[in-house]
Amino acid sequence: MSIEEKLREQIKDNDLLIYMKGTPYEPKCGFSAKTVQALIECEAQFSYVDILENNDARATLPSVSDWPTFPQVFVKGELIGGADIVTQMHESGDLKKFIESSLS
């Protein structure tokens, strides 16, 4: 299985997935920390991939998702965006509504 296929499978198999630097318990960058905090405040259950521990994912995901930066958040296989978009959605209240409607 190629790394592209593996990434597509991870995205498909996880309802809410974040590719981030570090872990939710120990983020390694401010953008990842901010994004994880927004997901936690929405009481969302999510999976994660630490791209610092997986160089293949770090190098390949931007071409798979057509998004150049990290973190990257996927809901039901759809790229939501990175830290700025997730933070804006959270501040407006749209993130929790979107997650709840997508996962129900």
PDB file of N, CA and C in Angstrom:
ATOM      1  N   MET A   1       0.859  -1.182   0.000  1.00  0.00           N
ATOM      2  CA  MET A   1       0.000   0.000   0.000  1.00  0.00           C
ATOM      3  C   MET A   1       0.902   1.241   0.000  1.00  0.00           C
ATOM      4  N   SER A   2       0.630   2.168  -0.885  1.00  0.00           N
ATOM      5  CA  SER A   2       1.429   3.392  -0.954  1.00  0.00           C
ATOM      6  C   SER A   2       1.051   4.325   0.196  1.00  0.00           C
ATOM      7  N   ILE A   3       1.894   5.292   0.462  1.00  0.00           N
ATOM      8  CA  ILE A   3       1.598   6.262   1.523  1.00  0.00           C
ATOM      9  C   ILE A   3       0.338   7.055   1.178  1.00  0.00           C
ATOM     10  N   GLU A   4       0.135   7.369  -0.098  1.00  0.00           N
ATOM     11  CA  GLU A   4      -1.087   8.090  -0.504  1.00  0.00           C
ATOM     12  C   GLU A   4      -2.322   7.266  -0.169  1.00  0.00           C
ATOM     13  N   GLU A   5      -2.276   5.966  -0.480  1.00  0.00           N
ATOM     14  CA  GLU A   5      -3.408   5.083  -0.182  1.00  0.00           C
ATOM     15  C   GLU A   5      -3.624   4.972   1.325  1.00  0.00           C
ATOM     16  N   LYS A   6      -2.546   4.882   2.074  1.00  0.00           N
ATOM     17  CA  LYS A   6      -2.654   4.786   3.522  1.00  0.00           C
ATOM     18  C   LYS A   6      -3.298   6.051   4.097  1.00  0.00           C
ATOM     19  N   LEU A   7      -2.889   7.222   3.617  1.00  0.00           N
ATOM     20  CA  LEU A   7      -3.470   8.484   4.096  1.00  0.00           C
ATOM     21  C   LEU A   7      -4.946   8.567   3.748  1.00  0.00           C
ATOM     22  N   ARG A   8      -5.291   8.215   2.515  1.00  0.00           N
ATOM     23  CA  ARG A   8      -6.705   8.247   2.102  1.00  0.00           C
ATOM     24  C   ARG A   8      -7.541   7.293   2.961  1.00  0.00           C
ATOM     25  N   GLU A   9      -6.970   6.142   3.290  1.00  0.00           N
ATOM     26  CA  GLU A   9      -7.675   5.170   4.126  1.00  0.00           C
ATOM     27  C   GLU A   9      -7.864   5.709   5.551  1.00  0.00           C
ATOM     28  N   GLN A  10      -6.823   6.338   6.106  1.00  0.00           N
ATOM     29  CA  GLN A  10      -6.942   6.935   7.443  1.00  0.00           C
ATOM     30  C   GLN A  10      -8.051   7.991   7.451  1.00  0.00           C
ATOM     31  N   ILE A  11      -8.059   8.839   6.443  1.00  0.00           N
ATOM     32  CA  ILE A  11      -9.056   9.913   6.355  1.00  0.00           C
ATOM     33  C   ILE A  11     -10.460   9.327   6.250  1.00  0.00           C
ATOM     34  N   LYS A  12     -10.607   8.269   5.447  1.00  0.00           N
ATOM     35  CA  LYS A  12     -11.916   7.632   5.247  1.00  0.00           C
ATOM     36  C   LYS A  12     -12.376   6.889   6.500  1.00  0.00           C
ATOM     37  N   ASP A  13     -11.443   6.257   7.203  1.00  0.00           N
ATOM     38  CA  ASP A  13     -11.795   5.379   8.325  1.00  0.00           C
ATOM     39  C   ASP A  13     -12.016   6.099   9.649  1.00  0.00           C
ATOM     40  N   ASN A  14     -11.671   7.377   9.734  1.00  0.00           N
ATOM     41  CA  ASN A  14     -11.818   8.132  10.982  1.00  0.00           C
ATOM     42  C   ASN A  14     -12.805   9.274  10.777  1.00  0.00           C
ATOM     43  N   ASP A  15     -13.878   9.274  11.564  1.00  0.00           N
ATOM     44  CA  ASP A  15     -14.907  10.308  11.411  1.00  0.00           C
ATOM     45  C   ASP A  15     -14.347  11.712  11.623  1.00  0.00           C
ATOM     46  N   LEU A  16     -13.469  11.874  12.587  1.00  0.00           N
ATOM     47  CA  LEU A  16     -12.865  13.177  12.881  1.00  0.00           C
ATOM     48  C   LEU A  16     -11.383  12.927  13.122  1.00  0.00           C
ATOM     49  N   LEU A  17     -10.563  13.487  12.252  1.00  0.00           N
ATOM     50  CA  LEU A  17      -9.131  13.200  12.258  1.00  0.00           C
ATOM     51  C   LEU A  17      -8.348  14.492  12.117  1.00  0.00           C
ATOM     52  N   ILE A  18      -7.315  14.632  12.935  1.00  0.00           N
ATOM     53  CA  ILE A  18      -6.423  15.785  12.828  1.00  0.00           C
ATOM     54  C   ILE A  18      -4.996  15.281  12.604  1.00  0.00           C
ATOM     55  N   TYR A  19      -4.388  15.801  11.569  1.00  0.00           N
ATOM     56  CA  TYR A  19      -2.955  15.610  11.348  1.00  0.00           C
ATOM     57  C   TYR A  19      -2.292  16.819  11.982  1.00  0.00           C
ATOM     58  N   MET A  20      -1.432  16.569  12.953  1.00  0.00           N
ATOM     59  CA  MET A  20      -0.899  17.678  13.750  1.00  0.00           C
ATOM     60  C   MET A  20       0.554  17.435  14.121  1.00  0.00           C
ATOM     61  N   LYS A  21       1.161  18.471  14.662  1.00  0.00           N
ATOM     62  CA  LYS A  21       2.524  18.375  15.185  1.00  0.00           C
ATOM     63  C   LYS A  21       2.421  18.080  16.677  1.00  0.00           C
ATOM     64  N   GLY A  22       2.839  16.859  17.046  1.00  0.00           N
ATOM     65  CA  GLY A  22       2.731  16.430  18.429  1.00  0.00           C
ATOM     66  C   GLY A  22       1.469  15.617  18.644  1.00  0.00           C
ATOM     67  N   THR A  23       1.037  15.578  19.902  1.00  0.00           N
ATOM     68  CA  THR A  23      -0.161  14.833  20.277  1.00  0.00           C
ATOM     69  C   THR A  23      -1.144  15.808  20.931  1.00  0.00           C
ATOM     70  N   PRO A  24      -2.403  15.403  21.075  1.00  0.00           N
ATOM     71  CA  PRO A  24      -3.356  16.286  21.752  1.00  0.00           C
ATOM     72  C   PRO A  24      -2.916  16.633  23.178  1.00  0.00           C
ATOM     73  N   TYR A  25      -2.179  15.722  23.815  1.00  0.00           N
ATOM     74  CA  TYR A  25      -1.731  15.940  25.188  1.00  0.00           C
ATOM     75  C   TYR A  25      -0.442  16.749  25.247  1.00  0.00           C
ATOM     76  N   GLU A  26       0.293  16.746  24.147  1.00  0.00           N
ATOM     77  CA  GLU A  26       1.556  17.461  24.087  1.00  0.00           C
ATOM     78  C   GLU A  26       1.781  18.008  22.673  1.00  0.00           C
ATOM     79  N   PRO A  27       1.000  19.044  22.303  1.00  0.00           N
ATOM     80  CA  PRO A  27       1.182  19.636  20.977  1.00  0.00           C
ATOM     81  C   PRO A  27       2.579  20.254  20.863  1.00  0.00           C
ATOM     82  N   LYS A  28       3.138  20.171  19.647  1.00  0.00           N
ATOM     83  CA  LYS A  28       4.489  20.684  19.425  1.00  0.00           C
ATOM     84  C   LYS A  28       4.500  22.009  18.661  1.00  0.00           C
ATOM     85  N   CYS A  29       3.335  22.594  18.446  1.00  0.00           N
ATOM     86  CA  CYS A  29       3.288  23.940  17.861  1.00  0.00           C
ATOM     87  C   CYS A  29       1.995  24.616  18.299  1.00  0.00           C
ATOM     88  N   GLY A  30       2.014  25.924  18.291  1.00  0.00           N
ATOM     89  CA  GLY A  30       0.865  26.693  18.748  1.00  0.00           C
ATOM     90  C   GLY A  30      -0.380  26.473  17.914  1.00  0.00           C
ATOM     91  N   PHE A  31      -0.211  26.309  16.606  1.00  0.00           N
ATOM     92  CA  PHE A  31      -1.367  26.100  15.734  1.00  0.00           C
ATOM     93  C   PHE A  31      -2.050  24.768  16.049  1.00  0.00           C
ATOM     94  N   SER A  32      -1.250  23.732  16.258  1.00  0.00           N
ATOM     95  CA  SER A  32      -1.823  22.433  16.620  1.00  0.00           C
ATOM     96  C   SER A  32      -2.504  22.518  17.980  1.00  0.00           C
ATOM     97  N   ALA A  33      -1.881  23.207  18.931  1.00  0.00           N
ATOM     98  CA  ALA A  33      -2.464  23.351  20.273  1.00  0.00           C
ATOM     99  C   ALA A  33      -3.808  24.066  20.207  1.00  0.00           C
ATOM    100  N   LYS A  34      -3.868  25.132  19.435  1.00  0.00           N
ATOM    101  CA  LYS A  34      -5.097  25.927  19.304  1.00  0.00           C
ATOM    102  C   LYS A  34      -6.217  25.102  18.663  1.00  0.00           C
ATOM    103  N   THR A  35      -5.867  24.335  17.654  1.00  0.00           N
ATOM    104  CA  THR A  35      -6.858  23.525  16.943  1.00  0.00           C
ATOM    105  C   THR A  35      -7.393  22.407  17.836  1.00  0.00           C
ATOM    106  N   VAL A  36      -6.500  21.715  18.527  1.00  0.00           N
ATOM    107  CA  VAL A  36      -6.912  20.653  19.437  1.00  0.00           C
ATOM    108  C   VAL A  36      -7.802  21.221  20.541  1.00  0.00           C
ATOM    109  N   GLN A  37      -7.454  22.380  21.058  1.00  0.00           N
ATOM    110  CA  GLN A  37      -8.256  22.992  22.122  1.00  0.00           C
ATOM    111  C   GLN A  37      -9.673  23.282  21.629  1.00  0.00           C
ATOM    112  N   ALA A  38      -9.791  23.758  20.407  1.00  0.00           N
ATOM    113  CA  ALA A  38     -11.121  24.017  19.833  1.00  0.00           C
ATOM    114  C   ALA A  38     -11.928  22.724  19.740  1.00  0.00           C
ATOM    115  N   LEU A  39     -11.293  21.639  19.297  1.00  0.00           N
ATOM    116  CA  LEU A  39     -11.989  20.355  19.201  1.00  0.00           C
ATOM    117  C   LEU A  39     -12.404  19.857  20.581  1.00  0.00           C
ATOM    118  N   ILE A  40     -11.517  19.997  21.555  1.00  0.00           N
ATOM    119  CA  ILE A  40     -11.834  19.565  22.923  1.00  0.00           C
ATOM    120  C   ILE A  40     -12.999  20.375  23.486  1.00  0.00           C
ATOM    121  N   GLU A  41     -12.990  21.678  23.262  1.00  0.00           N
ATOM    122  CA  GLU A  41     -14.070  22.530  23.765  1.00  0.00           C
ATOM    123  C   GLU A  41     -15.400  22.205  23.105  1.00  0.00           C
ATOM    124  N   CYS A  42     -15.365  21.619  21.916  1.00  0.00           N
ATOM    125  CA  CYS A  42     -16.595  21.175  21.242  1.00  0.00           C
ATOM    126  C   CYS A  42     -17.003  19.775  21.702  1.00  0.00           C
ATOM    127  N   GLU A  43     -16.249  19.227  22.653  1.00  0.00           N
ATOM    128  CA  GLU A  43     -16.504  17.887  23.172  1.00  0.00           C
ATOM    129  C   GLU A  43     -16.468  16.830  22.074  1.00  0.00           C
ATOM    130  N   ALA A  44     -15.598  17.059  21.095  1.00  0.00           N
ATOM    131  CA  ALA A  44     -15.478  16.148  19.963  1.00  0.00           C
ATOM    132  C   ALA A  44     -14.510  15.019  20.287  1.00  0.00           C
ATOM    133  N   GLN A  45     -14.882  13.815  19.888  1.00  0.00           N
ATOM    134  CA  GLN A  45     -13.958  12.692  19.974  1.00  0.00           C
ATOM    135  C   GLN A  45     -13.253  12.603  18.634  1.00  0.00           C
ATOM    136  N   PHE A  46     -11.930  12.589  18.674  1.00  0.00           N
ATOM    137  CA  PHE A  46     -11.184  12.612  17.421  1.00  0.00           C
ATOM    138  C   PHE A  46      -9.954  11.724  17.503  1.00  0.00           C
ATOM    139  N   SER A  47      -9.483  11.353  16.325  1.00  0.00           N
ATOM    140  CA  SER A  47      -8.236  10.621  16.179  1.00  0.00           C
ATOM    141  C   SER A  47      -7.185  11.615  15.706  1.00  0.00           C
ATOM    142  N   TYR A  48      -5.927  11.242  15.881  1.00  0.00           N
ATOM    143  CA  TYR A  48      -4.862  12.138  15.434  1.00  0.00           C
ATOM    144  C   TYR A  48      -3.696  11.342  14.869  1.00  0.00           C
ATOM    145  N   VAL A  49      -2.916  12.031  14.037  1.00  0.00           N
ATOM    146  CA  VAL A  49      -1.653  11.500  13.540  1.00  0.00           C
ATOM    147  C   VAL A  49      -0.611  12.575  13.812  1.00  0.00           C
ATOM    148  N   ASP A  50       0.453  12.180  14.505  1.00  0.00           N
ATOM    149  CA  ASP A  50       1.569  13.083  14.788  1.00  0.00           C
ATOM    150  C   ASP A  50       2.494  13.071  13.580  1.00  0.00           C
ATOM    151  N   ILE A  51       2.473  14.139  12.792  1.00  0.00           N
ATOM    152  CA  ILE A  51       3.276  14.170  11.571  1.00  0.00           C
ATOM    153  C   ILE A  51       4.771  14.300  11.865  1.00  0.00           C
ATOM    154  N   LEU A  52       5.118  14.722  13.079  1.00  0.00           N
ATOM    155  CA  LEU A  52       6.539  14.784  13.435  1.00  0.00           C
ATOM    156  C   LEU A  52       7.119  13.388  13.623  1.00  0.00           C
ATOM    157  N   GLU A  53       6.250  12.429  13.942  1.00  0.00           N
ATOM    158  CA  GLU A  53       6.667  11.041  14.094  1.00  0.00           C
ATOM    159  C   GLU A  53       6.461  10.247  12.800  1.00  0.00           C
ATOM    160  N   ASN A  54       5.870  10.876  11.803  1.00  0.00           N
ATOM    161  CA  ASN A  54       5.577  10.186  10.551  1.00  0.00           C
ATOM    162  C   ASN A  54       5.937  11.103   9.382  1.00  0.00           C
ATOM    163  N   ASN A  55       7.209  11.077   9.005  1.00  0.00           N
ATOM    164  CA  ASN A  55       7.698  11.957   7.941  1.00  0.00           C
ATOM    165  C   ASN A  55       7.020  11.712   6.604  1.00  0.00           C
ATOM    166  N   ASP A  56       6.642  10.446   6.319  1.00  0.00           N
ATOM    167  CA  ASP A  56       5.955  10.166   5.058  1.00  0.00           C
ATOM    168  C   ASP A  56       4.628  10.904   4.988  1.00  0.00           C
ATOM    169  N   ALA A  57       3.881  10.878   6.087  1.00  0.00           N
ATOM    170  CA  ALA A  57       2.604  11.603   6.128  1.00  0.00           C
ATOM    171  C   ALA A  57       2.845  13.100   5.992  1.00  0.00           C
ATOM    172  N   ARG A  58       3.837  13.593   6.687  1.00  0.00           N
ATOM    173  CA  ARG A  58       4.145  15.028   6.647  1.00  0.00           C
ATOM    174  C   ARG A  58       4.493  15.484   5.229  1.00  0.00           C
ATOM    175  N   ALA A  59       5.248  14.666   4.521  1.00  0.00           N
ATOM    176  CA  ALA A  59       5.681  15.037   3.175  1.00  0.00           C
ATOM    177  C   ALA A  59       4.586  14.838   2.124  1.00  0.00           C
ATOM    178  N   THR A  60       3.719  13.858   2.330  1.00  0.00           N
ATOM    179  CA  THR A  60       2.771  13.461   1.290  1.00  0.00           C
ATOM    180  C   THR A  60       1.383  14.068   1.454  1.00  0.00           C
ATOM    181  N   LEU A  61       0.931  14.275   2.687  1.00  0.00           N
ATOM    182  CA  LEU A  61      -0.447  14.731   2.901  1.00  0.00           C
ATOM    183  C   LEU A  61      -0.794  16.028   2.159  1.00  0.00           C
ATOM    184  N   PRO A  62       0.084  17.024   2.115  1.00  0.00           N
ATOM    185  CA  PRO A  62      -0.295  18.248   1.391  1.00  0.00           C
ATOM    186  C   PRO A  62      -0.697  18.005  -0.068  1.00  0.00           C
ATOM    187  N   SER A  63      -0.090  17.038  -0.733  1.00  0.00           N
ATOM    188  CA  SER A  63      -0.494  16.765  -2.119  1.00  0.00           C
ATOM    189  C   SER A  63      -1.792  15.963  -2.175  1.00  0.00           C
ATOM    190  N   VAL A  64      -2.065  15.152  -1.150  1.00  0.00           N
ATOM    191  CA  VAL A  64      -3.312  14.384  -1.096  1.00  0.00           C
ATOM    192  C   VAL A  64      -4.491  15.302  -0.790  1.00  0.00           C
ATOM    193  N   SER A  65      -4.310  16.204   0.178  1.00  0.00           N
ATOM    194  CA  SER A  65      -5.404  17.067   0.632  1.00  0.00           C
ATOM    195  C   SER A  65      -5.481  18.388  -0.127  1.00  0.00           C
ATOM    196  N   ASP A  66      -4.440  18.714  -0.857  1.00  0.00           N
ATOM    197  CA  ASP A  66      -4.332  20.006  -1.543  1.00  0.00           C
ATOM    198  C   ASP A  66      -4.352  21.160  -0.535  1.00  0.00           C
ATOM    199  N   TRP A  67      -3.722  20.928   0.621  1.00  0.00           N
ATOM    200  CA  TRP A  67      -3.621  21.927   1.691  1.00  0.00           C
ATOM    201  C   TRP A  67      -2.169  21.917   2.170  1.00  0.00           C
ATOM    202  N   PRO A  68      -1.483  23.066   2.148  1.00  0.00           N
ATOM    203  CA  PRO A  68      -0.027  23.040   2.346  1.00  0.00           C
ATOM    204  C   PRO A  68       0.469  23.000   3.795  1.00  0.00           C
ATOM    205  N   THR A  69      -0.368  23.345   4.751  1.00  0.00           N
ATOM    206  CA  THR A  69       0.126  23.527   6.121  1.00  0.00           C
ATOM    207  C   THR A  69      -0.519  22.547   7.090  1.00  0.00           C
ATOM    208  N   PHE A  70       0.011  22.515   8.296  1.00  0.00           N
ATOM    209  CA  PHE A  70      -0.518  21.684   9.380  1.00  0.00           C
ATOM    210  C   PHE A  70      -0.850  22.587  10.554  1.00  0.00           C
ATOM    211  N   PRO A  71      -1.854  22.208  11.322  1.00  0.00           N
ATOM    212  CA  PRO A  71      -2.639  20.979  11.291  1.00  0.00           C
ATOM    213  C   PRO A  71      -3.645  20.961  10.145  1.00  0.00           C
ATOM    214  N   GLN A  72      -4.170  19.766   9.895  1.00  0.00           N
ATOM    215  CA  GLN A  72      -5.252  19.574   8.936  1.00  0.00           C
ATOM    216  C   GLN A  72      -6.336  18.754   9.626  1.00  0.00           C
ATOM    217  N   VAL A  73      -7.572  19.251   9.560  1.00  0.00           N
ATOM    218  CA  VAL A  73      -8.695  18.577  10.223  1.00  0.00           C
ATOM    219  C   VAL A  73      -9.660  18.054   9.162  1.00  0.00           C
ATOM    220  N   PHE A  74     -10.001  16.778   9.296  1.00  0.00           N
ATOM    221  CA  PHE A  74     -10.943  16.122   8.392  1.00  0.00           C
ATOM    222  C   PHE A  74     -12.145  15.642   9.186  1.00  0.00           C
ATOM    223  N   VAL A  75     -13.347  15.900   8.651  1.00  0.00           N
ATOM    224  CA  VAL A  75     -14.580  15.392   9.237  1.00  0.00           C
ATOM    225  C   VAL A  75     -15.286  14.579   8.156  1.00  0.00           C
ATOM    226  N   LYS A  76     -15.504  13.287   8.470  1.00  0.00           N
ATOM    227  CA  LYS A  76     -16.165  12.370   7.529  1.00  0.00           C
ATOM    228  C   LYS A  76     -15.492  12.412   6.154  1.00  0.00           C
ATOM    229  N   GLY A  77     -14.163  12.455   6.142  1.00  0.00           N
ATOM    230  CA  GLY A  77     -13.414  12.419   4.892  1.00  0.00           C
ATOM    231  C   GLY A  77     -13.245  13.751   4.203  1.00  0.00           C
ATOM    232  N   GLU A  78     -13.845  14.797   4.733  1.00  0.00           N
ATOM    233  CA  GLU A  78     -13.789  16.128   4.111  1.00  0.00           C
ATOM    234  C   GLU A  78     -12.810  17.015   4.872  1.00  0.00           C
ATOM    235  N   LEU A  79     -11.903  17.640   4.137  1.00  0.00           N
ATOM    236  CA  LEU A  79     -10.972  18.579   4.752  1.00  0.00           C
ATOM    237  C   LEU A  79     -11.735  19.824   5.188  1.00  0.00           C
ATOM    238  N   ILE A  80     -11.658  20.129   6.487  1.00  0.00           N
ATOM    239  CA  ILE A  80     -12.282  21.341   7.016  1.00  0.00           C
ATOM    240  C   ILE A  80     -11.315  22.495   6.879  1.00  0.00           C
ATOM    241  N   GLY A  81     -10.049  22.238   7.180  1.00  0.00           N
ATOM    242  CA  GLY A  81      -9.018  23.262   7.062  1.00  0.00           C
ATOM    243  C   GLY A  81      -8.008  23.129   8.174  1.00  0.00           C
ATOM    244  N   GLY A  82      -7.319  24.228   8.414  1.00  0.00           N
ATOM    245  CA  GLY A  82      -6.277  24.264   9.427  1.00  0.00           C
ATOM    246  C   GLY A  82      -6.681  25.096  10.617  1.00  0.00           C
ATOM    247  N   ALA A  83      -5.678  25.582  11.329  1.00  0.00           N
ATOM    248  CA  ALA A  83      -5.901  26.274  12.592  1.00  0.00           C
ATOM    249  C   ALA A  83      -6.798  27.503  12.447  1.00  0.00           C
ATOM    250  N   ASP A  84      -6.545  28.332  11.445  1.00  0.00           N
ATOM    251  CA  ASP A  84      -7.323  29.573  11.305  1.00  0.00           C
ATOM    252  C   ASP A  84      -8.800  29.285  11.063  1.00  0.00           C
ATOM    253  N   ILE A  85      -9.086  28.382  10.142  1.00  0.00           N
ATOM    254  CA  ILE A  85     -10.484  28.070   9.809  1.00  0.00           C
ATOM    255  C   ILE A  85     -11.186  27.407  10.990  1.00  0.00           C
ATOM    256  N   VAL A  86     -10.527  26.442  11.620  1.00  0.00           N
ATOM    257  CA  VAL A  86     -11.128  25.747  12.757  1.00  0.00           C
ATOM    258  C   VAL A  86     -11.371  26.729  13.900  1.00  0.00           C
ATOM    259  N   THR A  87     -10.415  27.613  14.155  1.00  0.00           N
ATOM    260  CA  THR A  87     -10.566  28.605  15.222  1.00  0.00           C
ATOM    261  C   THR A  87     -11.720  29.558  14.927  1.00  0.00           C
ATOM    262  N   GLN A  88     -11.823  30.038  13.701  1.00  0.00           N
ATOM    263  CA  GLN A  88     -12.925  30.929  13.323  1.00  0.00           C
ATOM    264  C   GLN A  88     -14.269  30.223  13.468  1.00  0.00           C
ATOM    265  N   MET A  89     -14.334  28.977  13.018  1.00  0.00           N
ATOM    266  CA  MET A  89     -15.582  28.215  13.147  1.00  0.00           C
ATOM    267  C   MET A  89     -15.941  28.009  14.619  1.00  0.00           C
ATOM    268  N   HIS A  90     -14.933  27.754  15.439  1.00  0.00           N
ATOM    269  CA  HIS A  90     -15.173  27.539  16.875  1.00  0.00           C
ATOM    270  C   HIS A  90     -15.684  28.819  17.530  1.00  0.00           C
ATOM    271  N   GLU A  91     -15.043  29.943  17.226  1.00  0.00           N
ATOM    272  CA  GLU A  91     -15.439  31.216  17.835  1.00  0.00           C
ATOM    273  C   GLU A  91     -16.856  31.626  17.448  1.00  0.00           C
ATOM    274  N   SER A  92     -17.282  31.262  16.247  1.00  0.00           N
ATOM    275  CA  SER A  92     -18.635  31.616  15.803  1.00  0.00           C
ATOM    276  C   SER A  92     -19.685  30.610  16.266  1.00  0.00           C
ATOM    277  N   GLY A  93     -19.226  29.472  16.808  1.00  0.00           N
ATOM    278  CA  GLY A  93     -20.151  28.421  17.222  1.00  0.00           C
ATOM    279  C   GLY A  93     -20.466  27.425  16.124  1.00  0.00           C
ATOM    280  N   ASP A  94     -19.939  27.667  14.935  1.00  0.00           N
ATOM    281  CA  ASP A  94     -20.237  26.796  13.798  1.00  0.00           C
ATOM    282  C   ASP A  94     -19.521  25.453  13.864  1.00  0.00           C
ATOM    283  N   LEU A  95     -18.364  25.398  14.512  1.00  0.00           N
ATOM    284  CA  LEU A  95     -17.596  24.151  14.544  1.00  0.00           C
ATOM    285  C   LEU A  95     -18.371  23.053  15.263  1.00  0.00           C
ATOM    286  N   LYS A  96     -18.869  23.344  16.454  1.00  0.00           N
ATOM    287  CA  LYS A  96     -19.619  22.343  17.220  1.00  0.00           C
ATOM    288  C   LYS A  96     -20.848  21.888  16.440  1.00  0.00           C
ATOM    289  N   LYS A  97     -21.580  22.833  15.839  1.00  0.00           N
ATOM    290  CA  LYS A  97     -22.772  22.493  15.057  1.00  0.00           C
ATOM    291  C   LYS A  97     -22.393  21.608  13.868  1.00  0.00           C
ATOM    292  N   PHE A  98     -21.304  21.988  13.187  1.00  0.00           N
ATOM    293  CA  PHE A  98     -20.869  21.230  12.014  1.00  0.00           C
ATOM    294  C   PHE A  98     -20.478  19.810  12.402  1.00  0.00           C
ATOM    295  N   ILE A  99     -19.711  19.673  13.457  1.00  0.00           N
ATOM    296  CA  ILE A  99     -19.268  18.348  13.901  1.00  0.00           C
ATOM    297  C   ILE A  99     -20.475  17.514  14.311  1.00  0.00           C
ATOM    298  N   GLU A 100     -21.368  18.097  15.101  1.00  0.00           N
ATOM    299  CA  GLU A 100     -22.540  17.347  15.557  1.00  0.00           C
ATOM    300  C   GLU A 100     -23.413  16.905  14.398  1.00  0.00           C
ATOM    301  N   SER A 101     -23.637  17.788  13.431  1.00  0.00           N
ATOM    302  CA  SER A 101     -24.501  17.425  12.299  1.00  0.00           C
ATOM    303  C   SER A 101     -23.817  16.418  11.372  1.00  0.00           C
ATOM    304  N   SER A 102     -22.507  16.512  11.260  1.00  0.00           N
ATOM    305  CA  SER A 102     -21.778  15.586  10.381  1.00  0.00           C
ATOM    306  C   SER A 102     -21.657  14.190  10.970  1.00  0.00           C
ATOM    307  N   LEU A 103     -21.577  14.109  12.299  1.00  0.00           N
ATOM    308  CA  LEU A 103     -21.328  12.813  12.935  1.00  0.00           C
ATOM    309  C   LEU A 103     -22.583  12.159  13.500  1.00  0.00           C
ATOM    310  N   SER A 104     -23.721  12.803  13.345  1.00  0.00           N
ATOM    311  CA  SER A 104     -24.946  12.210  13.903  1.00  0.00           C
ATOM    312  C   SER A 104     -25.627  11.303  12.905  1.00  0.00           C
TER     313      SER A 104
END
